[in-house]
N, C-alpha and C. Protein backbone atom coordinates (compact mmCIF):
# COMPACT_ATOMS: atom_id res chain seq x y z
N MET A 1 -85.42 11.30 -53.50
CA MET A 1 -86.24 10.18 -53.12
C MET A 1 -85.33 9.02 -52.73
N ALA A 2 -85.62 8.36 -51.64
CA ALA A 2 -84.79 7.27 -51.14
C ALA A 2 -85.00 6.01 -51.97
N ARG A 3 -83.91 5.28 -52.18
CA ARG A 3 -83.99 4.02 -52.91
C ARG A 3 -84.59 2.94 -52.02
N PRO A 4 -85.37 2.03 -52.60
CA PRO A 4 -85.92 0.93 -51.79
C PRO A 4 -84.81 -0.01 -51.36
N ARG A 5 -84.99 -0.64 -50.21
CA ARG A 5 -83.98 -1.58 -49.71
C ARG A 5 -84.00 -2.85 -50.51
N LYS A 6 -82.83 -3.45 -50.64
CA LYS A 6 -82.74 -4.75 -51.29
C LYS A 6 -83.01 -5.81 -50.24
N THR A 7 -84.01 -6.62 -50.48
CA THR A 7 -84.34 -7.69 -49.53
C THR A 7 -83.79 -9.00 -50.06
N PRO A 8 -83.09 -9.75 -49.23
CA PRO A 8 -82.54 -11.03 -49.70
C PRO A 8 -83.63 -12.05 -49.96
N VAL A 9 -83.44 -12.83 -51.00
CA VAL A 9 -84.39 -13.88 -51.36
C VAL A 9 -84.06 -15.11 -50.54
N ALA A 10 -85.07 -15.74 -49.97
CA ALA A 10 -84.85 -16.93 -49.15
C ALA A 10 -84.27 -18.04 -50.01
N GLY A 11 -83.18 -18.62 -49.53
CA GLY A 11 -82.56 -19.72 -50.25
C GLY A 11 -81.60 -19.30 -51.32
N SER A 12 -81.39 -17.99 -51.51
CA SER A 12 -80.50 -17.53 -52.56
C SER A 12 -79.05 -17.53 -52.12
N GLY A 13 -78.81 -17.73 -50.85
CA GLY A 13 -77.45 -17.70 -50.35
C GLY A 13 -77.02 -16.29 -49.95
N ALA A 14 -77.91 -15.31 -50.14
CA ALA A 14 -77.57 -13.93 -49.81
C ALA A 14 -77.49 -13.72 -48.31
N SER A 15 -78.31 -14.44 -47.56
CA SER A 15 -78.25 -14.31 -46.11
C SER A 15 -78.23 -15.70 -45.49
N GLY A 16 -77.20 -15.99 -44.79
CA GLY A 16 -77.05 -17.32 -44.20
C GLY A 16 -78.05 -17.59 -43.10
N ALA A 17 -78.34 -16.58 -42.27
CA ALA A 17 -79.21 -16.79 -41.12
C ALA A 17 -80.65 -17.04 -41.54
N ALA A 18 -81.14 -16.26 -42.50
CA ALA A 18 -82.54 -16.43 -42.91
C ALA A 18 -82.74 -17.77 -43.59
N GLY A 19 -81.78 -18.20 -44.38
CA GLY A 19 -81.92 -19.47 -45.09
C GLY A 19 -81.86 -20.66 -44.15
N SER A 20 -80.98 -20.61 -43.14
CA SER A 20 -80.84 -21.75 -42.25
C SER A 20 -82.04 -21.88 -41.32
N SER A 21 -82.70 -20.77 -40.98
CA SER A 21 -83.85 -20.85 -40.09
C SER A 21 -85.05 -21.49 -40.78
N ARG A 22 -85.07 -21.50 -42.10
CA ARG A 22 -86.18 -22.08 -42.85
C ARG A 22 -85.89 -23.52 -43.25
N GLY A 23 -84.75 -24.05 -42.86
CA GLY A 23 -84.41 -25.42 -43.19
C GLY A 23 -83.83 -25.58 -44.58
N VAL A 24 -83.43 -24.47 -45.23
CA VAL A 24 -82.86 -24.53 -46.57
C VAL A 24 -81.36 -24.73 -46.43
N ARG A 25 -80.83 -25.76 -47.10
CA ARG A 25 -79.39 -26.03 -47.02
C ARG A 25 -78.63 -25.05 -47.90
N LYS A 26 -77.49 -24.61 -47.40
CA LYS A 26 -76.63 -23.72 -48.16
C LYS A 26 -75.95 -24.52 -49.26
N ARG A 27 -75.81 -23.91 -50.44
CA ARG A 27 -75.15 -24.59 -51.55
C ARG A 27 -73.67 -24.74 -51.27
N SER A 28 -73.11 -25.84 -51.71
CA SER A 28 -71.68 -26.07 -51.54
C SER A 28 -70.91 -25.20 -52.53
N PHE A 29 -69.61 -25.12 -52.33
CA PHE A 29 -68.76 -24.34 -53.23
C PHE A 29 -68.87 -24.88 -54.65
N HIS A 30 -68.86 -26.20 -54.79
CA HIS A 30 -68.94 -26.80 -56.13
C HIS A 30 -70.27 -26.49 -56.80
N GLN A 31 -71.36 -26.53 -56.04
CA GLN A 31 -72.67 -26.19 -56.61
C GLN A 31 -72.71 -24.74 -57.07
N GLU A 32 -72.14 -23.84 -56.27
CA GLU A 32 -72.08 -22.43 -56.66
C GLU A 32 -71.27 -22.26 -57.93
N LEU A 33 -70.14 -22.97 -58.01
CA LEU A 33 -69.27 -22.86 -59.17
C LEU A 33 -69.98 -23.33 -60.44
N VAL A 34 -70.66 -24.47 -60.35
CA VAL A 34 -71.38 -25.00 -61.51
C VAL A 34 -72.51 -24.06 -61.91
N LEU A 35 -73.25 -23.56 -60.94
CA LEU A 35 -74.35 -22.64 -61.23
C LEU A 35 -73.84 -21.36 -61.87
N ASN A 36 -72.76 -20.81 -61.33
CA ASN A 36 -72.20 -19.58 -61.88
C ASN A 36 -71.72 -19.79 -63.31
N ARG A 37 -71.08 -20.94 -63.58
CA ARG A 37 -70.61 -21.22 -64.94
C ARG A 37 -71.79 -21.35 -65.89
N TRP A 38 -72.87 -22.00 -65.44
CA TRP A 38 -74.04 -22.17 -66.30
C TRP A 38 -74.68 -20.82 -66.62
N VAL A 39 -74.86 -19.99 -65.59
CA VAL A 39 -75.50 -18.68 -65.79
C VAL A 39 -74.64 -17.82 -66.70
N LEU A 40 -73.34 -17.80 -66.46
CA LEU A 40 -72.44 -17.00 -67.28
C LEU A 40 -72.48 -17.47 -68.74
N GLY A 41 -72.44 -18.77 -68.96
CA GLY A 41 -72.51 -19.30 -70.31
C GLY A 41 -73.83 -18.96 -70.99
N PHE A 42 -74.92 -19.06 -70.25
CA PHE A 42 -76.24 -18.76 -70.80
C PHE A 42 -76.31 -17.29 -71.22
N LEU A 43 -75.86 -16.39 -70.34
CA LEU A 43 -75.93 -14.96 -70.65
C LEU A 43 -75.01 -14.60 -71.80
N LEU A 44 -73.80 -15.15 -71.81
CA LEU A 44 -72.87 -14.84 -72.90
C LEU A 44 -73.43 -15.32 -74.23
N ASN A 45 -73.97 -16.53 -74.28
CA ASN A 45 -74.56 -17.03 -75.52
C ASN A 45 -75.72 -16.16 -75.97
N HIS A 46 -76.52 -15.69 -75.02
CA HIS A 46 -77.66 -14.83 -75.34
C HIS A 46 -77.17 -13.53 -75.99
N TYR A 47 -76.16 -12.89 -75.39
CA TYR A 47 -75.67 -11.63 -75.92
C TYR A 47 -74.93 -11.82 -77.24
N ILE A 48 -74.20 -12.92 -77.39
CA ILE A 48 -73.50 -13.19 -78.64
C ILE A 48 -74.51 -13.37 -79.77
N ARG A 49 -75.61 -14.08 -79.51
CA ARG A 49 -76.65 -14.26 -80.53
C ARG A 49 -77.26 -12.92 -80.93
N LYS A 50 -77.49 -12.04 -79.94
CA LYS A 50 -78.06 -10.73 -80.26
C LYS A 50 -77.10 -9.90 -81.10
N ILE A 51 -75.82 -9.95 -80.76
CA ILE A 51 -74.83 -9.18 -81.52
C ILE A 51 -74.74 -9.71 -82.95
N LYS A 52 -74.72 -11.02 -83.12
CA LYS A 52 -74.67 -11.60 -84.46
C LYS A 52 -75.90 -11.20 -85.26
N LEU A 53 -77.05 -11.18 -84.62
CA LEU A 53 -78.28 -10.78 -85.30
C LEU A 53 -78.20 -9.32 -85.74
N LEU A 54 -77.70 -8.46 -84.87
CA LEU A 54 -77.57 -7.04 -85.22
C LEU A 54 -76.59 -6.84 -86.36
N ILE A 55 -75.50 -7.60 -86.36
CA ILE A 55 -74.50 -7.47 -87.43
C ILE A 55 -75.09 -7.95 -88.75
N SER A 56 -75.86 -9.03 -88.72
CA SER A 56 -76.41 -9.58 -89.97
C SER A 56 -77.48 -8.67 -90.56
N ILE A 57 -78.13 -7.84 -89.74
CA ILE A 57 -79.16 -6.94 -90.23
C ILE A 57 -78.54 -5.78 -91.01
N GLN A 58 -77.39 -5.31 -90.58
CA GLN A 58 -76.76 -4.14 -91.20
C GLN A 58 -76.19 -4.42 -92.54
């Protein structure tokens, strides 16, 4: 069975042409850096909390 195609989300930065045709501004390098740091920190904190919870249960 064939896998479904991945469609880029408008404004996500995945496709420059689709985003610019809708009037959505591309994020700057600094904005991408800050967003990536925030997401990474959020996910790491989430997984660290889960691991600590699992350890405390045992």
